[in-house]
Protein backbone atom coordinates (compact mmCIF):
# COMPACT_ATOMS: atom_id res chain seq x y z
CA MET A 1 -15.60 -1.11 3.35
CA SER A 2 -12.94 0.89 5.07
CA ILE A 3 -13.17 -1.31 8.20
CA ASN A 4 -12.68 -4.34 5.94
CA LEU A 5 -9.73 -2.73 4.23
CA LEU A 6 -8.22 -1.77 7.75
CA ILE A 7 -8.63 -5.33 8.97
CA SER A 8 -7.14 -6.79 5.66
CA SER A 9 -4.15 -4.29 6.02
CA ILE A 10 -3.49 -5.49 9.55
CA GLN A 11 -3.67 -9.09 8.36
CA LEU A 12 -1.11 -8.18 5.66
CA LEU A 13 1.22 -6.95 8.32
CA ILE A 14 0.79 -9.90 10.64
CA ASN A 15 0.61 -12.88 8.28
CA PRO A 16 4.20 -12.76 7.04
CA LEU A 17 5.37 -12.79 10.56
CA LEU A 18 3.18 -15.67 11.61
CA GLY A 19 3.54 -17.88 8.66
CA LEU A 20 7.12 -18.02 7.63
CA GLN A 21 6.57 -21.28 5.85
CA SER A 22 4.98 -21.20 2.45
CA ASN A 23 1.35 -22.34 2.30
CA VAL A 24 1.57 -22.48 -1.54
CA PRO A 25 4.87 -23.79 -2.63
CA PRO A 26 6.12 -23.54 -6.23
CA GLU A 27 5.60 -27.37 -6.55
CA TYR A 28 1.91 -27.03 -5.78
CA PHE A 29 1.56 -24.07 -8.33
CA ARG A 30 2.76 -26.46 -11.07
CA LYS A 31 0.28 -29.12 -10.02
CA PHE A 32 -2.49 -26.56 -9.81
CA VAL A 33 -1.65 -25.35 -13.34
CA LEU A 34 -1.79 -28.92 -14.77
CA LEU A 35 -5.11 -29.55 -12.89
CA GLU A 36 -6.76 -26.41 -13.79
CA GLU A 37 -5.58 -26.01 -17.41
CA ALA A 38 -8.90 -27.05 -18.76
CA ASN A 39 -10.62 -24.22 -16.78
CA ASN A 40 -8.88 -21.57 -18.98
CA PHE A 41 -7.80 -19.56 -15.88
CA GLY A 42 -10.52 -16.95 -16.34
CA GLY A 43 -9.23 -15.77 -19.66
CA LEU A 44 -5.53 -15.73 -19.03
CA SER A 45 -3.31 -17.96 -21.29
CA ILE A 46 -0.95 -20.53 -19.89
CA ASP A 47 1.93 -18.21 -21.05
CA GLU A 48 0.65 -15.37 -19.01
CA ILE A 49 0.20 -17.57 -15.97
CA TYR A 50 3.73 -18.90 -16.24
CA SER A 51 5.12 -15.46 -16.89
CA HIS A 52 3.68 -14.20 -13.73
CA GLN A 53 4.37 -17.44 -11.67
CA ASP A 54 6.39 -15.58 -9.03
CA LEU A 55 3.78 -12.90 -8.49
CA ILE A 56 0.95 -15.34 -8.40
CA ILE A 57 2.68 -17.60 -5.70
CA TYR A 58 3.89 -14.51 -3.82
CA LEU A 59 0.19 -13.15 -3.64
CA ALA A 60 -1.26 -16.51 -2.82
CA ASN A 61 1.07 -16.87 0.12
CA LEU A 62 0.52 -13.27 1.22
CA LEU A 63 -3.12 -13.38 1.01
CA TYR A 64 -3.62 -17.11 2.06
CA ASP A 65 -5.39 -16.39 5.33
CA ILE A 66 -7.01 -13.08 4.39
CA ASN A 67 -10.70 -12.72 3.31
CA LEU A 68 -10.80 -10.07 0.59
CA TYR A 69 -13.82 -8.64 -0.84
CA GLU A 70 -14.09 -7.63 -4.43
CA GLN A 71 -13.60 -3.95 -3.74
CA ASP A 72 -10.59 -4.75 -1.51
CA VAL A 73 -9.00 -6.77 -4.37
CA LYS A 74 -9.45 -3.85 -6.78
CA VAL A 75 -7.79 -1.44 -4.33
CA PHE A 76 -5.14 -3.94 -3.48
CA TRP A 77 -4.33 -4.54 -7.15
CA LYS A 78 -4.21 -0.88 -8.03
CA ASN A 79 -1.81 -0.30 -5.21
CA LEU A 80 0.34 -3.08 -6.16
CA ILE A 81 0.77 -2.04 -9.79
CA SER A 82 1.33 1.60 -8.88
CA ASN A 83 4.53 0.79 -7.04
CA LYS A 84 7.50 0.93 -9.47
CA GLU A 85 9.47 -1.59 -7.36
CA ASN A 86 6.76 -4.16 -7.52
CA GLN A 87 6.48 -3.72 -11.28
CA GLU A 88 10.23 -4.31 -11.66
CA ASN A 89 10.46 -7.25 -9.07
CA PHE A 90 7.47 -9.14 -10.49
CA ASN A 91 7.56 -7.98 -14.17
CA ILE A 92 4.01 -6.51 -13.86
CA SER A 93 2.79 -4.81 -17.02
CA LYS A 94 -0.16 -2.56 -16.76
CA SER A 95 -1.65 -4.47 -19.60
CA ILE A 96 -2.29 -7.55 -17.42
CA ASP A 97 -5.85 -7.78 -16.30
CA GLY A 98 -5.79 -7.60 -12.55
CA ASN A 99 -9.18 -9.00 -12.00
CA LYS A 100 -8.16 -12.08 -14.01
CA LEU A 101 -4.82 -12.49 -12.25
CA MET A 102 -6.45 -12.12 -8.96
CA ALA A 103 -9.04 -14.72 -9.74
CA VAL A 104 -6.24 -17.16 -10.52
CA VAL A 105 -4.63 -16.21 -7.09
CA THR A 106 -7.90 -16.74 -5.34
CA SER A 107 -8.57 -20.07 -7.12
CA LEU A 108 -5.00 -21.15 -6.22
CA ILE A 109 -5.53 -20.28 -2.54
CA THR A 110 -8.82 -22.26 -2.51
CA SER A 111 -7.19 -25.21 -4.04
CA ALA A 112 -4.20 -25.14 -1.68
CA LYS A 113 -6.40 -24.77 1.32
CA ILE A 114 -8.25 -27.86 0.28
CA GLU A 115 -5.07 -29.76 -0.32
CA ASN A 116 -3.54 -28.64 2.96
CA SER A 117 -6.65 -29.59 4.90
CA GLN A 118 -6.43 -33.12 3.43
CA LYS A 119 -2.84 -33.35 4.69
CA ASP A 120 -3.86 -32.58 8.28
């Protein structure tokens, strides 16, 4: 597990430098929400999704090329919400279910990868 976390950490440092363009633009996020609305977003309401839109798009772009395992996601989320600056910048409340939000991020990434592969 620690090796996977180390590899993921290295990718988190390198990916912003390599991919300065957005893999998941805000326009695609809106399209994704419309397409996936019937799926109920793993228990999050549409209002919760839209209230955390900036965070979801940021995380989708940050984690786009990173393979995270379930345990890595839990550690990542815990670290993200423990940072006061992140809480203020992204309006993160500790009441939001990180597993559900990260499931939306993962679904958005998967959908964006399919969309981007069709463009190529």
